[in-house]
Protein backbone atom coordinates (compact mmCIF):
# COMPACT_ATOMS: atom_id res chain seq x y z
CA MET A 1 -99.42 -32.93 45.62
CA THR A 2 -97.34 -35.84 46.13
CA GLY A 3 -96.04 -35.47 42.00
CA ALA A 4 -94.73 -32.10 42.73
CA SER A 5 -93.46 -32.46 46.26
CA THR A 6 -90.51 -34.39 44.51
CA ALA A 7 -90.09 -31.60 41.62
CA VAL A 8 -90.57 -28.83 43.67
CA GLY A 9 -88.54 -26.68 46.93
CA ARG A 10 -91.25 -25.67 49.87
CA ASP A 11 -91.31 -22.70 48.59
CA ILE A 12 -93.16 -23.10 45.37
CA LEU A 13 -95.17 -25.70 46.84
CA ARG A 14 -96.70 -23.48 49.46
CA ARG A 15 -97.30 -21.35 46.32
CA LEU A 16 -98.99 -24.22 44.44
CA THR A 17 -100.60 -24.59 47.88
CA ALA A 18 -102.54 -21.31 48.27
CA VAL A 19 -103.38 -21.60 44.44
CA ILE A 20 -105.48 -24.97 45.23
CA HIS A 21 -107.38 -23.27 47.76
CA LYS A 22 -108.03 -20.48 46.01
CA SER A 23 -109.88 -22.20 43.72
CA ILE A 24 -111.46 -24.54 45.81
CA LEU A 25 -112.55 -21.54 47.85
CA LEU A 26 -114.15 -19.93 44.51
CA ALA A 27 -115.39 -23.25 43.35
CA GLN A 28 -117.46 -23.58 46.88
CA THR A 29 -118.52 -19.65 46.09
CA ASP A 30 -119.99 -21.43 43.32
CA LYS A 31 -121.86 -24.03 45.03
CA ILE A 32 -120.06 -27.10 44.50
CA LEU A 33 -119.48 -29.36 46.80
CA VAL A 34 -115.10 -29.53 46.95
CA ASP A 35 -113.78 -30.66 50.03
CA ASP A 36 -111.38 -28.09 50.96
CA PHE A 37 -107.78 -30.67 51.65
CA THR A 38 -106.27 -27.98 51.63
CA LEU A 39 -106.62 -26.97 55.12
CA GLY A 40 -103.86 -28.23 58.13
CA ILE A 41 -102.26 -30.02 55.17
CA GLU A 42 -97.96 -30.58 56.61
CA LEU A 43 -95.56 -29.36 53.71
CA PHE A 44 -92.73 -31.56 53.01
CA SER A 45 -90.29 -31.38 50.36
CA LYS A 46 -87.65 -33.50 48.89
CA VAL A 47 -85.92 -30.98 47.10
CA GLU A 48 -83.64 -29.43 49.58
CA LYS A 49 -82.87 -25.41 49.76
CA GLN A 50 -80.14 -24.58 47.88
CA ALA A 51 -76.94 -23.50 50.17
CA SER A 52 -75.92 -20.17 49.97
CA GLU A 53 -72.27 -21.21 49.48
CA GLU A 54 -72.87 -23.28 46.72
CA LYS A 55 -74.17 -20.67 44.77
CA PHE A 56 -70.95 -19.91 43.90
CA ILE A 57 -68.71 -19.83 41.47
CA HIS A 58 -65.76 -21.93 42.45
CA SER A 59 -64.31 -23.36 38.90
CA GLU A 60 -63.40 -22.41 36.14
CA LYS A 61 -65.54 -25.00 34.79
CA GLU A 62 -68.15 -23.94 37.07
CA TYR A 63 -68.28 -20.12 35.22
CA GLN A 64 -67.74 -21.98 31.47
CA LYS A 65 -70.98 -23.84 32.61
CA ILE A 66 -73.01 -20.92 33.56
CA LEU A 67 -72.10 -19.49 30.15
CA SER A 68 -73.10 -21.93 28.15
CA ARG A 69 -76.37 -21.61 29.88
CA LEU A 70 -76.52 -18.11 29.65
CA LYS A 71 -75.57 -18.18 25.84
CA GLU A 72 -78.72 -20.94 25.59
CA LYS A 73 -81.44 -18.64 27.39
CA MET A 74 -80.52 -15.90 25.15
CA ASN A 75 -80.41 -17.10 21.63
CA TYR A 76 -76.57 -16.25 21.77
CA PRO A 77 -74.00 -16.93 19.36
CA VAL A 78 -71.58 -20.31 20.61
CA VAL A 79 -68.78 -18.83 18.70
CA ASP A 80 -69.43 -15.58 19.92
CA GLU A 81 -67.16 -14.33 23.41
CA LEU A 82 -69.35 -13.31 25.94
CA THR A 83 -67.41 -11.43 28.58
CA ILE A 84 -69.19 -10.89 32.44
CA ASP A 85 -67.68 -7.70 34.32
CA THR A 86 -67.65 -9.55 37.81
CA GLU A 87 -66.11 -5.92 38.67
CA VAL A 88 -68.61 -4.17 39.52
CA ARG A 89 -68.25 -2.18 42.24
CA ILE A 90 -70.94 -3.74 45.30
CA PHE A 91 -71.16 -0.39 48.57
CA GLN A 92 -68.65 2.89 48.51
CA ASN A 93 -67.88 0.86 52.14
CA GLY A 94 -66.62 -2.45 50.89
CA PRO A 95 -63.12 -2.90 50.79
CA ASP A 96 -61.50 -1.28 47.77
CA ASN A 97 -57.83 -3.69 47.90
CA PRO A 98 -57.89 -6.05 44.38
CA VAL A 99 -57.41 -9.85 46.04
CA GLY A 100 -54.15 -9.85 44.69
CA ASP A 101 -53.02 -6.64 47.39
CA VAL A 102 -54.70 -8.51 50.13
CA ILE A 103 -53.21 -11.35 49.68
CA SER A 104 -49.81 -9.34 49.44
CA GLN A 105 -50.63 -8.29 52.40
CA ALA A 106 -51.56 -10.93 54.41
CA MET A 107 -48.23 -12.31 53.61
CA GLU A 108 -46.22 -10.08 55.41
CA ILE A 109 -48.16 -9.54 58.31
CA ASN A 110 -50.91 -12.39 58.50
CA PRO A 111 -49.74 -14.53 62.36
CA ARG A 112 -49.91 -17.33 61.46
CA LEU A 113 -47.27 -17.89 58.64
CA LYS A 114 -45.12 -15.22 60.61
CA SER A 115 -45.26 -18.32 63.41
CA ALA A 116 -44.22 -20.68 60.58
CA GLY A 117 -41.80 -18.39 59.64
CA LEU A 118 -40.00 -18.77 63.15
CA ALA A 119 -40.77 -22.22 63.51
CA LEU A 120 -38.46 -22.74 60.56
CA ARG A 121 -35.89 -20.30 61.34
CA TYR A 122 -36.05 -21.78 64.78
CA ARG A 123 -35.40 -25.64 62.59
CA GLU A 124 -32.74 -24.17 60.74
CA LEU A 125 -30.50 -23.30 63.55
CA ASN A 126 -31.08 -26.35 65.46
CA PHE A 127 -30.04 -28.21 62.23
CA SER A 128 -26.38 -25.54 62.14
CA ALA A 129 -25.92 -26.43 65.37
CA THR A 130 -26.53 -30.22 65.78
CA LYS A 131 -24.28 -30.23 62.11
CA GLY A 132 -21.35 -28.37 64.17
CA ASN A 133 -21.76 -31.24 66.57
CA LEU A 134 -19.64 -33.28 64.17
CA TRP A 135 -16.11 -30.75 63.88
CA PRO A 136 -13.63 -30.35 66.19
CA SER A 137 -14.85 -27.46 69.05
CA ILE A 138 -11.57 -25.56 70.16
CA TYR A 139 -12.78 -23.48 73.93
CA ILE A 140 -10.33 -20.84 74.42
CA GLY A 141 -10.92 -19.14 77.80
CA GLY A 142 -9.00 -15.83 80.15
CA GLY A 143 -9.26 -13.99 83.49
CA TYR A 144 -8.50 -11.01 85.98
CA SER A 145 -7.59 -11.69 89.02
CA THR A 146 -6.73 -10.02 92.59
CA SER A 147 -8.34 -9.90 95.56
CA PHE A 148 -7.34 -7.85 99.52
CA TYR A 149 -7.56 -8.81 102.91
CA HIS A 150 -7.82 -6.71 106.57
CA ASP A 151 -8.45 -7.22 110.30
CA ARG A 152 -7.45 -5.25 113.18
CA VAL A 153 -4.49 -7.56 114.54
CA THR A 154 -1.65 -7.74 111.85
CA PRO A 155 0.04 -4.54 112.56
CA ASN A 156 1.84 -2.40 109.13
CA LEU A 157 -0.80 -4.38 106.15
CA PRO A 158 -0.53 -2.87 102.99
CA SER A 159 -3.19 -0.54 101.77
CA PHE A 160 -6.03 -1.10 99.61
CA ALA A 161 -4.32 -0.18 96.17
CA SER A 162 -1.29 -2.14 97.19
CA GLN A 163 -2.78 -4.60 98.06
CA LEU A 164 -4.83 -5.08 94.77
CA SER A 165 -1.87 -4.43 92.42
CA ASN A 166 0.46 -7.61 93.82
CA ARG A 167 -2.11 -9.97 94.05
CA ARG A 168 -3.36 -10.17 90.54
CA GLY A 169 -3.41 -12.65 88.44
CA TYR A 170 -4.76 -13.35 85.19
CA TYR A 171 -4.94 -16.59 83.51
CA PHE A 172 -5.12 -18.14 79.76
CA GLY A 173 -6.44 -21.25 78.42
CA ALA A 174 -7.18 -23.22 75.56
CA THR A 175 -9.14 -27.02 74.66
CA LEU A 176 -9.51 -28.94 71.53
CA SER A 177 -12.41 -31.57 71.79
CA VAL A 178 -12.52 -34.51 69.02
CA PRO A 179 -14.91 -36.15 68.28
CA ILE A 180 -13.88 -39.41 68.16
CA PHE A 181 -16.54 -41.63 69.08
CA GLY A 182 -20.19 -41.32 69.22
CA GLY A 183 -20.42 -40.59 65.05
CA LEU A 184 -23.35 -42.79 64.98
CA SER A 185 -25.62 -40.86 67.28
CA ARG A 186 -24.23 -37.44 65.47
CA HIS A 187 -25.20 -38.30 62.58
CA THR A 188 -28.74 -39.24 64.02
CA ALA A 189 -29.29 -35.46 64.93
CA VAL A 190 -28.02 -34.12 61.91
CA ASN A 191 -30.40 -35.85 60.07
CA ARG A 192 -33.38 -35.57 62.35
CA SER A 193 -32.86 -32.56 62.24
CA ARG A 194 -32.75 -31.67 58.82
CA ASN A 195 -35.89 -33.75 58.48
CA SER A 196 -37.49 -31.52 60.89
CA MET A 197 -36.44 -28.48 58.96
CA ASN A 198 -37.86 -29.22 55.74
CA ILE A 199 -41.13 -30.30 57.96
CA ALA A 200 -41.17 -26.53 58.61
CA ALA A 201 -40.25 -25.66 55.52
CA GLN A 202 -43.29 -27.75 53.44
CA ASN A 203 -45.60 -26.00 56.52
CA VAL A 204 -44.60 -22.87 55.48
CA VAL A 205 -45.67 -23.83 51.83
CA GLU A 206 -49.16 -25.16 52.56
CA ALA A 207 -49.29 -22.04 54.87
CA GLU A 208 -49.05 -19.86 52.22
CA ARG A 209 -51.32 -21.96 50.08
CA SER A 210 -54.24 -22.50 52.07
CA LEU A 211 -53.90 -18.65 53.18
CA GLN A 212 -54.32 -17.87 49.17
CA SER A 213 -57.29 -20.16 49.37
CA GLU A 214 -58.87 -18.68 52.26
CA ILE A 215 -58.78 -15.03 51.34
CA GLU A 216 -59.44 -15.90 47.41
CA GLN A 217 -62.51 -18.02 48.52
CA ASN A 218 -63.82 -14.95 50.90
CA TYR A 219 -63.06 -12.06 48.75
CA ARG A 220 -65.15 -14.38 46.42
CA GLN A 221 -67.76 -14.54 48.98
CA MET A 222 -68.15 -10.99 49.54
CA GLN A 223 -68.28 -10.50 46.47
CA GLY A 224 -71.50 -12.47 45.92
CA TYR A 225 -73.05 -11.22 49.36
CA GLY A 226 -72.75 -7.97 47.54
CA LYS A 227 -74.56 -9.27 44.10
CA GLU A 228 -76.26 -10.89 46.38
CA TYR A 229 -77.63 -8.03 48.67
CA ILE A 230 -77.99 -5.38 45.35
CA GLN A 231 -80.56 -8.38 43.77
CA ALA A 232 -82.72 -8.84 47.11
CA SER A 233 -83.09 -5.04 47.40
CA LYS A 234 -84.44 -5.09 43.90
CA THR A 235 -86.68 -7.76 45.22
CA VAL A 236 -87.92 -5.77 47.79
CA GLU A 237 -88.61 -2.99 45.92
CA ALA A 238 -90.68 -5.85 43.47
CA ALA A 239 -92.30 -7.18 46.74
CA GLU A 240 -93.09 -3.58 47.93
CA LEU A 241 -95.08 -2.16 44.54
CA ALA A 242 -96.89 -5.34 44.34
CA HIS A 243 -98.13 -5.67 48.50
CA LYS A 244 -99.04 -2.16 47.52
CA ALA A 245 -101.12 -3.23 44.50
CA ILE A 246 -103.18 -5.60 46.67
CA THR A 247 -103.00 -3.82 49.15
CA GLN A 248 -105.41 -1.06 47.41
CA LYS A 249 -107.87 -4.36 44.96
CA PHE A 250 -108.13 -6.01 49.04
CA GLU A 251 -109.85 -2.11 50.27
CA GLN A 252 -111.42 -2.12 46.98
CA GLY A 253 -113.19 -6.21 47.32
CA VAL A 254 -111.43 -7.57 44.51
CA VAL A 255 -109.24 -9.97 46.70
CA SER A 256 -109.68 -11.57 49.33
CA ALA A 257 -107.23 -11.25 53.05
CA LEU A 258 -105.42 -14.63 51.61
CA ASP A 259 -104.00 -12.66 48.91
CA LEU A 260 -102.92 -10.00 51.53
CA GLN A 261 -101.19 -11.62 53.45
CA THR A 262 -99.44 -14.17 50.82
CA SER A 263 -98.64 -10.58 49.67
CA ALA A 264 -97.22 -9.76 53.08
CA ASN A 265 -95.53 -13.34 53.91
CA ARG A 266 -93.31 -12.76 50.27
CA LEU A 267 -92.69 -9.07 51.47
CA LEU A 268 -91.50 -10.35 54.03
CA GLU A 269 -88.98 -13.11 53.02
CA ALA A 270 -88.17 -10.85 50.88
CA GLN A 271 -87.26 -8.66 53.63
CA SER A 272 -85.08 -10.99 55.55
CA ARG A 273 -83.39 -12.35 52.76
CA LYS A 274 -82.01 -7.91 52.11
CA LEU A 275 -81.19 -8.47 55.80
CA ASN A 276 -79.59 -11.31 55.42
CA ALA A 277 -77.21 -10.92 52.55
CA HIS A 278 -76.30 -7.09 53.58
CA LEU A 279 -75.67 -9.08 57.38
CA GLN A 280 -73.02 -11.45 55.63
CA TYR A 281 -71.29 -9.33 52.72
CA MET A 282 -70.53 -6.60 55.61
CA ILE A 283 -69.42 -9.63 57.32
CA LYS A 284 -67.10 -10.79 53.97
CA CYS A 285 -65.89 -7.38 54.28
CA ARG A 286 -64.42 -7.63 58.29
CA LEU A 287 -62.51 -11.12 57.15
CA VAL A 288 -61.27 -9.20 53.97
CA GLU A 289 -60.02 -6.05 55.52
CA TYR A 290 -58.92 -8.44 58.79
CA TYR A 291 -56.47 -9.95 55.69
CA ALA A 292 -55.36 -6.84 54.96
CA GLY A 293 -54.68 -5.31 58.51
CA GLU A 294 -57.22 -4.02 59.76
CA PRO A 295 -57.89 -4.80 63.27
CA LEU A 296 -61.28 -7.91 63.14
CA ILE A 297 -62.81 -5.78 65.88
CA ARG A 298 -63.59 -2.29 66.01
CA SER A 299 -64.52 0.24 68.65
């Protein structure tokens, strides 16, 4: 058991323990004195269970490696091309948009990209204003004014209309400002504004690249969870048939209660994996639809 724990996972180790326990029970039935060392044993495996994220293909190199391994298992000619159809529709309620369309829609409506674009626009306007401070400035202004006066002491004051007409005034002015001093500070401000604008432009490019990578990864994970759900559904069907057969054998006295319990545990585990794959698929569907413009939380 100690040697097996270094080579297999916890699930296989548990099944191996069940087989050993069954063999010991058969030996004890034949009056063979054998201690059942499987009772109360704690199972520890040095082989960690592979995470769900590690089951996905993240590079072309991994894809080619899997193809080579598959050809080897199938005795498929190495020189012949083996095409795997990856565009199989998983569910009827899944998103229909290809990954390219989802990326295009996200580029137009994603809040993170809009925020980065507005920040870039602000830096561009600030750079234009700062650069304009290097040139002479002309300020032109003008105005119109009038007034009205009235009291109860002075007799025979002009009327309201005549006062507004007679008291009218106009003014016009123009100012020319030529920057002579402070040239170093102005040039420094221009360079600082230019650097801020370039940084904002790089942030936009980085946000677009990050969003594309994020969408592609979530889209592939959605497809992976969908296919995992299909496989889990088939596993549940097989486990249900196996448990039904074990139940019939138990009723006939052919198998022990331990075998029945083991079969029930396998069925429960398969159902749990199916439910987990289904929930993970639905979460990824909602996330992909959110990138395409659908609300994440719906009533």
